[in-house]
């Protein structure tokens, strides 16, 4: 496992230690969450740059209704 240094304000480090936080675990979780958020943000930006499909909202709803009927019957 790689080692990295992080710098915290003294009061934050003191409070985290007093709370018994595993700073390494918290930092790992925060980094994973930030990386996931950036992947989503990057994906959304890529989707925004796609050209329009010409598919209307009504077309999508009709396709969903057809799929539901096919999967679960006409009462879905």
PDB file of N, CA and C in Angstrom:
ATOM      1  N   UNK A   1       0.851  -1.173   0.000  1.00  0.00           N
ATOM      2  CA  UNK A   1       0.000   0.000   0.000  1.00  0.00           C
ATOM      3  C   UNK A   1       0.896   1.235   0.000  1.00  0.00           C
ATOM      4  N   UNK A   2       0.554   2.192  -0.824  1.00  0.00           N
ATOM      5  CA  UNK A   2       1.338   3.424  -0.922  1.00  0.00           C
ATOM      6  C   UNK A   2       1.138   4.281   0.325  1.00  0.00           C
ATOM      7  N   UNK A   3       2.163   5.002   0.661  1.00  0.00           N
ATOM      8  CA  UNK A   3       2.084   5.948   1.779  1.00  0.00           C
ATOM      9  C   UNK A   3       2.072   7.353   1.210  1.00  0.00           C
ATOM     10  N   UNK A   4       1.197   8.183   1.753  1.00  0.00           N
ATOM     11  CA  UNK A   4       1.143   9.591   1.370  1.00  0.00           C
ATOM     12  C   UNK A   4       1.015  10.430   2.640  1.00  0.00           C
ATOM     13  N   UNK A   5       1.419  11.651   2.543  1.00  0.00           N
ATOM     14  CA  UNK A   5       1.260  12.584   3.656  1.00  0.00           C
ATOM     15  C   UNK A   5       0.091  13.502   3.362  1.00  0.00           C
ATOM     16  N   UNK A   6      -0.711  13.747   4.387  1.00  0.00           N
ATOM     17  CA  UNK A   6      -1.746  14.768   4.266  1.00  0.00           C
ATOM     18  C   UNK A   6      -1.530  15.771   5.390  1.00  0.00           C
ATOM     19  N   UNK A   7      -1.882  16.981   5.120  1.00  0.00           N
ATOM     20  CA  UNK A   7      -1.708  18.042   6.102  1.00  0.00           C
ATOM     21  C   UNK A   7      -3.077  18.517   6.557  1.00  0.00           C
ATOM     22  N   UNK A   8      -3.239  18.591   7.880  1.00  0.00           N
ATOM     23  CA  UNK A   8      -4.492  19.016   8.479  1.00  0.00           C
ATOM     24  C   UNK A   8      -4.239  20.189   9.407  1.00  0.00           C
ATOM     25  N   UNK A   9      -5.211  21.060   9.539  1.00  0.00           N
ATOM     26  CA  UNK A   9      -5.092  22.081  10.571  1.00  0.00           C
ATOM     27  C   UNK A   9      -4.988  21.394  11.942  1.00  0.00           C
ATOM     28  N   UNK A  10      -4.226  21.980  12.835  1.00  0.00           N
ATOM     29  CA  UNK A  10      -3.994  21.374  14.150  1.00  0.00           C
ATOM     30  C   UNK A  10      -5.295  21.019  14.862  1.00  0.00           C
ATOM     31  N   UNK A  11      -6.259  21.942  14.850  1.00  0.00           N
ATOM     32  CA  UNK A  11      -7.508  21.677  15.567  1.00  0.00           C
ATOM     33  C   UNK A  11      -8.280  20.514  14.961  1.00  0.00           C
ATOM     34  N   UNK A  12      -8.261  20.378  13.647  1.00  0.00           N
ATOM     35  CA  UNK A  12      -8.942  19.268  12.991  1.00  0.00           C
ATOM     36  C   UNK A  12      -8.268  17.949  13.334  1.00  0.00           C
ATOM     37  N   UNK A  13      -6.945  17.916  13.297  1.00  0.00           N
ATOM     38  CA  UNK A  13      -6.208  16.698  13.646  1.00  0.00           C
ATOM     39  C   UNK A  13      -6.478  16.308  15.092  1.00  0.00           C
ATOM     40  N   UNK A  14      -6.482  17.277  15.982  1.00  0.00           N
ATOM     41  CA  UNK A  14      -6.722  17.020  17.400  1.00  0.00           C
ATOM     42  C   UNK A  14      -8.135  16.470  17.613  1.00  0.00           C
ATOM     43  N   UNK A  15      -9.115  17.083  16.961  1.00  0.00           N
ATOM     44  CA  UNK A  15     -10.505  16.644  17.095  1.00  0.00           C
ATOM     45  C   UNK A  15     -10.705  15.240  16.523  1.00  0.00           C
ATOM     46  N   UNK A  16     -10.095  14.963  15.382  1.00  0.00           N
ATOM     47  CA  UNK A  16     -10.207  13.632  14.773  1.00  0.00           C
ATOM     48  C   UNK A  16      -9.585  12.577  15.674  1.00  0.00           C
ATOM     49  N   UNK A  17      -8.435  12.884  16.237  1.00  0.00           N
ATOM     50  CA  UNK A  17      -7.760  11.937  17.131  1.00  0.00           C
ATOM     51  C   UNK A  17      -8.595  11.710  18.385  1.00  0.00           C
ATOM     52  N   UNK A  18      -9.149  12.787  18.955  1.00  0.00           N
ATOM     53  CA  UNK A  18      -9.980  12.669  20.156  1.00  0.00           C
ATOM     54  C   UNK A  18     -11.234  11.838  19.890  1.00  0.00           C
ATOM     55  N   UNK A  19     -11.744  11.910  18.665  1.00  0.00           N
ATOM     56  CA  UNK A  19     -12.934  11.141  18.295  1.00  0.00           C
ATOM     57  C   UNK A  19     -12.598   9.692  17.971  1.00  0.00           C
ATOM     58  N   UNK A  20     -11.307   9.368  17.960  1.00  0.00           N
ATOM     59  CA  UNK A  20     -10.895   7.999  17.663  1.00  0.00           C
ATOM     60  C   UNK A  20     -11.032   7.626  16.203  1.00  0.00           C
ATOM     61  N   UNK A  21     -11.024   8.626  15.339  1.00  0.00           N
ATOM     62  CA  UNK A  21     -11.164   8.340  13.911  1.00  0.00           C
ATOM     63  C   UNK A  21      -9.907   7.686  13.358  1.00  0.00           C
ATOM     64  N   UNK A  22     -10.111   6.747  12.474  1.00  0.00           N
ATOM     65  CA  UNK A  22      -9.009   6.157  11.720  1.00  0.00           C
ATOM     66  C   UNK A  22      -8.809   7.078  10.512  1.00  0.00           C
ATOM     67  N   UNK A  23      -7.852   7.977  10.633  1.00  0.00           N
ATOM     68  CA  UNK A  23      -7.664   9.011   9.608  1.00  0.00           C
ATOM     69  C   UNK A  23      -7.337   8.397   8.254  1.00  0.00           C
ATOM     70  N   UNK A  24      -6.591   7.316   8.243  1.00  0.00           N
ATOM     71  CA  UNK A  24      -6.269   6.657   6.981  1.00  0.00           C
ATOM     72  C   UNK A  24      -7.540   6.147   6.303  1.00  0.00           C
ATOM     73  N   UNK A  25      -8.415   5.498   7.079  1.00  0.00           N
ATOM     74  CA  UNK A  25      -9.656   4.972   6.514  1.00  0.00           C
ATOM     75  C   UNK A  25     -10.548   6.112   6.029  1.00  0.00           C
ATOM     76  N   UNK A  26     -10.667   7.163   6.836  1.00  0.00           N
ATOM     77  CA  UNK A  26     -11.504   8.304   6.456  1.00  0.00           C
ATOM     78  C   UNK A  26     -10.967   8.955   5.181  1.00  0.00           C
ATOM     79  N   UNK A  27      -9.652   9.104   5.094  1.00  0.00           N
ATOM     80  CA  UNK A  27      -9.047   9.701   3.896  1.00  0.00           C
ATOM     81  C   UNK A  27      -9.290   8.821   2.672  1.00  0.00           C
ATOM     82  N   UNK A  28      -9.155   7.500   2.836  1.00  0.00           N
ATOM     83  CA  UNK A  28      -9.410   6.588   1.714  1.00  0.00           C
ATOM     84  C   UNK A  28     -10.849   6.711   1.234  1.00  0.00           C
ATOM     85  N   UNK A  29     -11.792   6.728   2.181  1.00  0.00           N
ATOM     86  CA  UNK A  29     -13.204   6.849   1.810  1.00  0.00           C
ATOM     87  C   UNK A  29     -13.475   8.183   1.115  1.00  0.00           C
ATOM     88  N   UNK A  30     -12.873   9.255   1.629  1.00  0.00           N
ATOM     89  CA  UNK A  30     -13.072  10.571   1.022  1.00  0.00           C
ATOM     90  C   UNK A  30     -12.494  10.615  -0.392  1.00  0.00           C
ATOM     91  N   UNK A  31     -11.323  10.025  -0.579  1.00  0.00           N
ATOM     92  CA  UNK A  31     -10.714   9.999  -1.912  1.00  0.00           C
ATOM     93  C   UNK A  31     -11.544   9.165  -2.882  1.00  0.00           C
ATOM     94  N   UNK A  32     -12.034   8.018  -2.423  1.00  0.00           N
ATOM     95  CA  UNK A  32     -12.884   7.188  -3.292  1.00  0.00           C
ATOM     96  C   UNK A  32     -14.151   7.940  -3.688  1.00  0.00           C
ATOM     97  N   UNK A  33     -14.765   8.608  -2.716  1.00  0.00           N
ATOM     98  CA  UNK A  33     -15.989   9.363  -2.998  1.00  0.00           C
ATOM     99  C   UNK A  33     -15.717  10.500  -3.982  1.00  0.00           C
ATOM    100  N   UNK A  34     -14.625  11.206  -3.796  1.00  0.00           N
ATOM    101  CA  UNK A  34     -14.279  12.310  -4.702  1.00  0.00           C
ATOM    102  C   UNK A  34     -13.993  11.799  -6.112  1.00  0.00           C
ATOM    103  N   UNK A  35     -13.264  10.691  -6.211  1.00  0.00           N
ATOM    104  CA  UNK A  35     -12.967  10.128  -7.534  1.00  0.00           C
ATOM    105  C   UNK A  35     -14.243   9.660  -8.226  1.00  0.00           C
ATOM    106  N   UNK A  36     -15.153   9.039  -7.475  1.00  0.00           N
ATOM    107  CA  UNK A  36     -16.424   8.598  -8.051  1.00  0.00           C
ATOM    108  C   UNK A  36     -17.236   9.798  -8.525  1.00  0.00           C
ATOM    109  N   UNK A  37     -17.275  10.855  -7.722  1.00  0.00           N
ATOM    110  CA  UNK A  37     -18.016  12.061  -8.106  1.00  0.00           C
ATOM    111  C   UNK A  37     -17.429  12.673  -9.372  1.00  0.00           C
ATOM    112  N   UNK A  38     -16.115  12.669  -9.482  1.00  0.00           N
ATOM    113  CA  UNK A  38     -15.486  13.221 -10.686  1.00  0.00           C
ATOM    114  C   UNK A  38     -15.776  12.364 -11.912  1.00  0.00           C
ATOM    115  N   UNK A  39     -15.811  11.028 -11.738  1.00  0.00           N
ATOM    116  CA  UNK A  39     -16.150  10.161 -12.874  1.00  0.00           C
ATOM    117  C   UNK A  39     -17.567  10.452 -13.355  1.00  0.00           C
ATOM    118  N   UNK A  40     -18.487  10.610 -12.417  1.00  0.00           N
ATOM    119  CA  UNK A  40     -19.869  10.930 -12.788  1.00  0.00           C
ATOM    120  C   UNK A  40     -19.924  12.283 -13.489  1.00  0.00           C
ATOM    121  N   UNK A  41     -19.231  13.253 -12.937  1.00  0.00           N
ATOM    122  CA  UNK A  41     -19.208  14.589 -13.534  1.00  0.00           C
ATOM    123  C   UNK A  41     -18.627  14.551 -14.948  1.00  0.00           C
ATOM    124  N   UNK A  42     -17.541  13.811 -15.124  1.00  0.00           N
ATOM    125  CA  UNK A  42     -16.934  13.675 -16.454  1.00  0.00           C
ATOM    126  C   UNK A  42     -17.894  12.998 -17.425  1.00  0.00           C
ATOM    127  N   UNK A  43     -18.594  11.951 -16.952  1.00  0.00           N
ATOM    128  CA  UNK A  43     -19.546  11.236 -17.798  1.00  0.00           C
ATOM    129  C   UNK A  43     -20.692  12.166 -18.199  1.00  0.00           C
ATOM    130  N   UNK A  44     -21.217  12.919 -17.233  1.00  0.00           N
ATOM    131  CA  UNK A  44     -22.305  13.845 -17.550  1.00  0.00           C
ATOM    132  C   UNK A  44     -21.868  14.899 -18.557  1.00  0.00           C
ATOM    133  N   UNK A  45     -20.656  15.385 -18.414  1.00  0.00           N
ATOM    134  CA  UNK A  45     -20.139  16.371 -19.368  1.00  0.00           C
ATOM    135  C   UNK A  45     -20.032  15.756 -20.763  1.00  0.00           C
ATOM    136  N   UNK A  46     -19.593  14.504 -20.844  1.00  0.00           N
ATOM    137  CA  UNK A  46     -19.504  13.822 -22.138  1.00  0.00           C
ATOM    138  C   UNK A  46     -20.892  13.643 -22.744  1.00  0.00           C
ATOM    139  N   UNK A  47     -21.873  13.315 -21.922  1.00  0.00           N
ATOM    140  CA  UNK A  47     -23.246  13.154 -22.410  1.00  0.00           C
ATOM    141  C   UNK A  47     -23.779  14.483 -22.924  1.00  0.00           C
ATOM    142  N   UNK A  48     -23.480  15.568 -22.217  1.00  0.00           N
ATOM    143  CA  UNK A  48     -23.949  16.894 -22.648  1.00  0.00           C
ATOM    144  C   UNK A  48     -23.400  17.269 -24.024  1.00  0.00           C
ATOM    145  N   UNK A  49     -22.223  16.768 -24.355  1.00  0.00           N
ATOM    146  CA  UNK A  49     -21.607  17.111 -25.643  1.00  0.00           C
ATOM    147  C   UNK A  49     -22.132  16.252 -26.797  1.00  0.00           C
ATOM    148  N   UNK A  50     -22.890  15.206 -26.499  1.00  0.00           N
ATOM    149  CA  UNK A  50     -23.428  14.355 -27.563  1.00  0.00           C
ATOM    150  C   UNK A  50     -24.456  15.128 -28.384  1.00  0.00           C
ATOM    151  N   UNK A  51     -24.534  14.824 -29.671  1.00  0.00           N
ATOM    152  CA  UNK A  51     -25.544  15.501 -30.494  1.00  0.00           C
ATOM    153  C   UNK A  51     -26.943  15.014 -30.111  1.00  0.00           C
ATOM    154  N   UNK A  52     -27.957  15.821 -30.362  1.00  0.00           N
ATOM    155  CA  UNK A  52     -29.333  15.406 -30.065  1.00  0.00           C
ATOM    156  C   UNK A  52     -29.687  14.129 -30.816  1.00  0.00           C
ATOM    157  N   UNK A  53     -30.501  13.298 -30.181  1.00  0.00           N
ATOM    158  CA  UNK A  53     -30.875  12.021 -30.797  1.00  0.00           C
ATOM    159  C   UNK A  53     -32.129  12.123 -31.643  1.00  0.00           C
ATOM    160  N   UNK A  54     -32.936  13.136 -31.380  1.00  0.00           N
ATOM    161  CA  UNK A  54     -34.207  13.239 -32.085  1.00  0.00           C
ATOM    162  C   UNK A  54     -35.302  12.427 -31.419  1.00  0.00           C
ATOM    163  N   UNK A  55     -34.968  11.735 -30.343  1.00  0.00           N
ATOM    164  CA  UNK A  55     -35.958  10.946 -29.616  1.00  0.00           C
ATOM    165  C   UNK A  55     -36.663  11.870 -28.629  1.00  0.00           C
ATOM    166  N   UNK A  56     -37.991  11.852 -28.674  1.00  0.00           N
ATOM    167  CA  UNK A  56     -38.758  12.729 -27.786  1.00  0.00           C
ATOM    168  C   UNK A  56     -39.019  12.045 -26.449  1.00  0.00           C
ATOM    169  N   UNK A  57     -39.427  12.840 -25.496  1.00  0.00           N
ATOM    170  CA  UNK A  57     -39.801  12.317 -24.183  1.00  0.00           C
ATOM    171  C   UNK A  57     -40.942  11.309 -24.330  1.00  0.00           C
ATOM    172  N   UNK A  58     -41.870  11.618 -25.205  1.00  0.00           N
ATOM    173  CA  UNK A  58     -43.000  10.723 -25.443  1.00  0.00           C
ATOM    174  C   UNK A  58     -42.533   9.391 -26.023  1.00  0.00           C
ATOM    175  N   UNK A  59     -41.531   9.421 -26.916  1.00  0.00           N
ATOM    176  CA  UNK A  59     -40.969   8.186 -27.475  1.00  0.00           C
ATOM    177  C   UNK A  59     -40.377   7.316 -26.365  1.00  0.00           C
ATOM    178  N   UNK A  60     -39.676   7.946 -25.453  1.00  0.00           N
ATOM    179  CA  UNK A  60     -39.058   7.211 -24.346  1.00  0.00           C
ATOM    180  C   UNK A  60     -40.130   6.586 -23.465  1.00  0.00           C
ATOM    181  N   UNK A  61     -41.155   7.357 -23.121  1.00  0.00           N
ATOM    182  CA  UNK A  61     -42.227   6.824 -22.284  1.00  0.00           C
ATOM    183  C   UNK A  61     -42.944   5.663 -22.968  1.00  0.00           C
ATOM    184  N   UNK A  62     -43.173   5.777 -24.259  1.00  0.00           N
ATOM    185  CA  UNK A  62     -43.822   4.692 -24.998  1.00  0.00           C
ATOM    186  C   UNK A  62     -42.952   3.439 -24.988  1.00  0.00           C
ATOM    187  N   UNK A  63     -41.648   3.600 -25.171  1.00  0.00           N
ATOM    188  CA  UNK A  63     -40.736   2.455 -25.150  1.00  0.00           C
ATOM    189  C   UNK A  63     -40.726   1.805 -23.768  1.00  0.00           C
ATOM    190  N   UNK A  64     -40.757   2.616 -22.724  1.00  0.00           N
ATOM    191  CA  UNK A  64     -40.817   2.061 -21.368  1.00  0.00           C
ATOM    192  C   UNK A  64     -42.106   1.286 -21.148  1.00  0.00           C
ATOM    193  N   UNK A  65     -43.211   1.841 -21.591  1.00  0.00           N
ATOM    194  CA  UNK A  65     -44.492   1.146 -21.456  1.00  0.00           C
ATOM    195  C   UNK A  65     -44.467  -0.186 -22.193  1.00  0.00           C
ATOM    196  N   UNK A  66     -43.906  -0.204 -23.399  1.00  0.00           N
ATOM    197  CA  UNK A  66     -43.813  -1.446 -24.171  1.00  0.00           C
ATOM    198  C   UNK A  66     -42.929  -2.469 -23.463  1.00  0.00           C
ATOM    199  N   UNK A  67     -41.812  -2.017 -22.915  1.00  0.00           N
ATOM    200  CA  UNK A  67     -40.908  -2.931 -22.213  1.00  0.00           C
ATOM    201  C   UNK A  67     -41.576  -3.497 -20.970  1.00  0.00           C
ATOM    202  N   UNK A  68     -42.276  -2.655 -20.228  1.00  0.00           N
ATOM    203  CA  UNK A  68     -42.975  -3.139 -19.029  1.00  0.00           C
ATOM    204  C   UNK A  68     -44.037  -4.166 -19.404  1.00  0.00           C
ATOM    205  N   UNK A  69     -44.778  -3.886 -20.457  1.00  0.00           N
ATOM    206  CA  UNK A  69     -45.815  -4.815 -20.898  1.00  0.00           C
ATOM    207  C   UNK A  69     -45.198  -6.141 -21.323  1.00  0.00           C
ATOM    208  N   UNK A  70     -44.070  -6.072 -22.007  1.00  0.00           N
ATOM    209  CA  UNK A  70     -43.400  -7.291 -22.462  1.00  0.00           C
ATOM    210  C   UNK A  70     -42.859  -8.099 -21.283  1.00  0.00           C
ATOM    211  N   UNK A  71     -42.306  -7.408 -20.311  1.00  0.00           N
ATOM    212  CA  UNK A  71     -41.698  -8.103 -19.171  1.00  0.00           C
ATOM    213  C   UNK A  71     -42.716  -8.573 -18.149  1.00  0.00           C
ATOM    214  N   UNK A  72     -43.709  -7.746 -17.853  1.00  0.00           N
ATOM    215  CA  UNK A  72     -44.608  -8.045 -16.747  1.00  0.00           C
ATOM    216  C   UNK A  72     -46.068  -8.157 -17.155  1.00  0.00           C
ATOM    217  N   UNK A  73     -46.345  -8.128 -18.407  1.00  0.00           N
ATOM    218  CA  UNK A  73     -47.718  -8.230 -18.877  1.00  0.00           C
ATOM    219  C   UNK A  73     -48.348  -6.861 -19.050  1.00  0.00           C
ATOM    220  N   UNK A  74     -49.530  -6.855 -19.617  1.00  0.00           N
ATOM    221  CA  UNK A  74     -50.199  -5.596 -19.947  1.00  0.00           C
ATOM    222  C   UNK A  74     -50.652  -4.811 -18.726  1.00  0.00           C
ATOM    223  N   UNK A  75     -50.720  -5.442 -17.557  1.00  0.00           N
ATOM    224  CA  UNK A  75     -51.194  -4.756 -16.350  1.00  0.00           C
ATOM    225  C   UNK A  75     -50.103  -3.954 -15.660  1.00  0.00           C
ATOM    226  N   UNK A  76     -48.869  -4.017 -16.145  1.00  0.00           N
ATOM    227  CA  UNK A  76     -47.745  -3.362 -15.458  1.00  0.00           C
ATOM    228  C   UNK A  76     -47.849  -1.871 -15.503  1.00  0.00           C
TER     229      UNK A  76
END
